Amino acid sequence: MKTKSLLLIAFLFIVLSCNSSSTFNQFDKMPENNHWDKSDVKQYEFEIKDDTKLYNIVFEFSHVYDYQFASVPIQFSIESPDGKTENLAIDMPIRESDGKEIADCSGDVCDLKYRIKEKTTLSKGIYKITISQDFKMATFLPNVIGVGLNVDSVK
């Protein structure tokens, strides 16, 4: 019985390990005051080795529950391996029109995933993505727990 259980656990571990589609994943926590300063520009660098797959590029935004803003202005700069840069400015929604949180909330923490690019082809090489907030009312964006970037291949 122990042998079968160990084999089953080993098989599940191998299967789950092989199904990982994550190419890059990094999350940066904010300081204790939960402020994302305008000067705190996040920079992420990752390598694409397989240009035959499609990829999702996802911005991760973690905030305090009952966020006081309906949306947040975010700027993305994506530099591809050939040196071309694509700049995107979005007003990322935090709440639906009825006021309900869009993020997945647990207790006082809400995690929002915003797809910057969906099912897109990426050339082989090094990508550099820069993310900044463009909040106009202050030099910082309040109640931000952390931000990050996740790049996954699509199955």
Protein backbone atom coordinates (compact mmCIF):
# COMPACT_ATOMS: atom_id res chain seq x y z
CA MET A 1 0.00 0.00 0.00
CA LYS A 2 2.82 2.42 0.87
CA THR A 3 4.54 1.71 -2.45
CA LYS A 4 1.38 2.47 -4.44
CA SER A 5 0.83 5.69 -2.49
CA LEU A 6 4.41 6.82 -3.05
CA LEU A 7 4.18 6.01 -6.77
CA LEU A 8 0.92 7.93 -7.05
CA ILE A 9 2.40 10.96 -5.27
CA ALA A 10 5.52 10.83 -7.46
CA PHE A 11 3.39 10.55 -10.63
CA LEU A 12 1.21 13.52 -9.61
CA PHE A 13 4.29 15.59 -8.79
CA ILE A 14 5.80 14.87 -12.22
CA VAL A 15 2.56 15.61 -14.06
CA LEU A 16 1.98 18.87 -12.20
CA SER A 17 5.59 19.95 -12.72
CA CYS A 18 5.40 19.29 -16.46
CA ASN A 19 2.17 21.26 -16.87
CA SER A 20 3.69 24.51 -15.65
CA SER A 21 3.35 27.09 -18.42
CA SER A 22 4.94 29.98 -16.56
CA THR A 23 7.78 31.64 -18.43
CA PHE A 24 8.26 34.49 -15.96
CA ASN A 25 6.67 35.46 -12.64
CA GLN A 26 7.78 38.23 -10.30
CA PHE A 27 5.83 40.10 -7.62
CA ASP A 28 7.16 43.15 -5.77
CA LYS A 29 5.67 44.11 -2.39
CA MET A 30 5.33 47.77 -1.51
CA PRO A 31 6.84 49.24 1.65
CA GLU A 32 4.87 48.96 4.89
CA ASN A 33 2.97 52.20 4.16
CA ASN A 34 1.38 50.55 1.08
CA HIS A 35 2.28 53.50 -1.15
CA TRP A 36 3.35 53.02 -4.77
CA ASP A 37 5.44 56.13 -5.38
CA LYS A 38 5.39 57.73 -8.82
CA SER A 39 9.20 57.45 -8.87
CA ASP A 40 9.06 53.68 -8.16
CA VAL A 41 9.10 52.39 -11.73
CA LYS A 42 9.01 48.59 -11.89
CA GLN A 43 11.28 46.89 -14.42
CA TYR A 44 11.00 43.27 -15.46
CA GLU A 45 13.20 41.32 -17.83
CA PHE A 46 12.55 37.84 -19.19
CA GLU A 47 13.64 35.61 -22.06
CA ILE A 48 11.45 33.91 -24.62
CA LYS A 49 13.05 30.70 -25.86
CA ASP A 50 10.14 29.24 -27.86
CA ASP A 51 8.58 31.52 -30.48
CA THR A 52 6.10 28.86 -31.65
CA LYS A 53 3.83 29.33 -28.61
CA LEU A 54 1.30 32.01 -27.78
CA TYR A 55 1.74 34.00 -24.58
CA ASN A 56 -0.31 35.98 -22.07
CA ILE A 57 1.38 38.94 -20.38
CA VAL A 58 -0.44 39.70 -17.14
CA PHE A 59 -0.03 42.64 -14.76
CA GLU A 60 -0.73 41.72 -11.14
CA PHE A 61 -2.06 44.42 -8.82
CA SER A 62 -2.68 43.68 -5.15
CA HIS A 63 -4.57 46.30 -3.13
CA VAL A 64 -6.39 46.82 0.15
CA TYR A 65 -10.06 45.75 0.18
CA ASP A 66 -12.64 48.45 -0.60
CA TYR A 67 -10.21 50.45 -2.73
CA GLN A 68 -11.16 54.11 -2.88
CA PHE A 69 -10.71 54.50 -6.66
CA ALA A 70 -12.78 52.97 -9.45
CA SER A 71 -9.74 52.78 -11.74
CA VAL A 72 -5.98 53.33 -11.71
CA PRO A 73 -3.88 54.87 -14.52
CA ILE A 74 -1.00 52.52 -15.41
CA GLN A 75 1.73 52.91 -18.05
CA PHE A 76 3.46 49.95 -19.70
CA SER A 77 6.52 50.02 -21.91
CA ILE A 78 7.39 46.77 -23.70
CA GLU A 79 10.81 46.54 -25.35
CA SER A 80 11.15 43.54 -27.66
CA PRO A 81 14.43 41.77 -28.56
CA ASP A 82 14.73 43.77 -31.81
CA GLY A 83 14.82 47.02 -29.79
CA LYS A 84 11.32 48.23 -30.71
CA THR A 85 9.30 49.72 -27.86
CA GLU A 86 5.54 49.66 -27.47
CA ASN A 87 4.00 52.09 -24.98
CA LEU A 88 0.55 51.42 -23.52
CA ALA A 89 -1.39 53.71 -21.19
CA ILE A 90 -4.47 52.17 -19.58
CA ASP A 91 -7.00 53.18 -17.01
CA MET A 92 -7.18 49.84 -15.20
CA PRO A 93 -10.64 49.24 -13.74
CA ILE A 94 -10.81 48.30 -10.05
CA ARG A 95 -14.60 48.13 -9.72
CA GLU A 96 -17.48 47.13 -11.95
CA SER A 97 -20.12 49.75 -12.79
CA ASP A 98 -22.25 48.53 -9.86
CA GLY A 99 -19.33 49.16 -7.44
CA LYS A 100 -18.37 45.50 -6.97
CA GLU A 101 -14.66 44.70 -6.69
CA ILE A 102 -13.23 43.14 -9.87
CA ALA A 103 -10.32 41.59 -8.00
CA ASP A 104 -10.30 38.27 -6.17
CA CYS A 105 -10.52 39.33 -2.51
CA SER A 106 -9.69 37.36 0.59
CA GLY A 107 -10.00 39.24 3.86
CA ASP A 108 -8.45 42.69 3.47
CA VAL A 109 -6.35 41.77 0.40
CA CYS A 110 -7.55 41.90 -3.20
CA ASP A 111 -5.58 40.50 -6.14
CA LEU A 112 -6.36 41.83 -9.59
CA LYS A 113 -4.92 40.36 -12.79
CA TYR A 114 -4.98 42.55 -15.88
CA ARG A 115 -4.00 41.06 -19.24
CA ILE A 116 -1.68 43.44 -21.04
CA LYS A 117 -1.37 41.07 -24.01
CA GLU A 118 -3.48 37.99 -24.64
CA LYS A 119 -2.59 35.02 -26.86
CA THR A 120 0.19 36.93 -28.55
CA THR A 121 3.28 35.73 -30.37
CA LEU A 122 6.63 36.74 -28.94
CA SER A 123 9.95 36.51 -30.79
CA LYS A 124 12.88 34.70 -29.24
CA GLY A 125 15.07 36.88 -27.07
CA ILE A 126 15.07 39.20 -24.09
CA TYR A 127 12.05 41.37 -23.32
CA LYS A 128 12.08 44.35 -20.97
CA ILE A 129 8.81 45.60 -19.51
CA THR A 130 8.57 48.78 -17.48
CA ILE A 131 5.48 49.52 -15.40
CA SER A 132 4.62 52.77 -13.66
CA GLN A 133 1.57 54.41 -12.15
CA ASP A 134 0.33 57.77 -13.42
CA PHE A 135 -1.87 58.84 -10.50
CA LYS A 136 -2.47 62.61 -10.81
CA MET A 137 -3.78 63.47 -7.32
CA ALA A 138 -0.57 62.78 -5.37
CA THR A 139 3.04 61.62 -5.74
CA PHE A 140 1.99 58.13 -4.65
CA LEU A 141 -0.86 55.70 -5.19
CA PRO A 142 -2.25 54.67 -1.77
CA ASN A 143 -3.30 51.24 -0.48
CA VAL A 144 -1.23 49.20 -2.93
CA ILE A 145 0.15 46.01 -1.41
CA GLY A 146 2.25 45.01 -4.41
CA VAL A 147 2.54 44.73 -8.17
CA GLY A 148 4.02 42.13 -10.46
CA LEU A 149 4.25 40.59 -13.88
CA ASN A 150 3.41 37.09 -15.06
CA VAL A 151 4.17 35.69 -18.53
CA ASP A 152 2.57 32.32 -19.36
CA SER A 153 2.45 30.26 -22.50
CA VAL A 154 -1.05 29.42 -23.68
CA LYS A 155 -1.94 25.76 -23.99
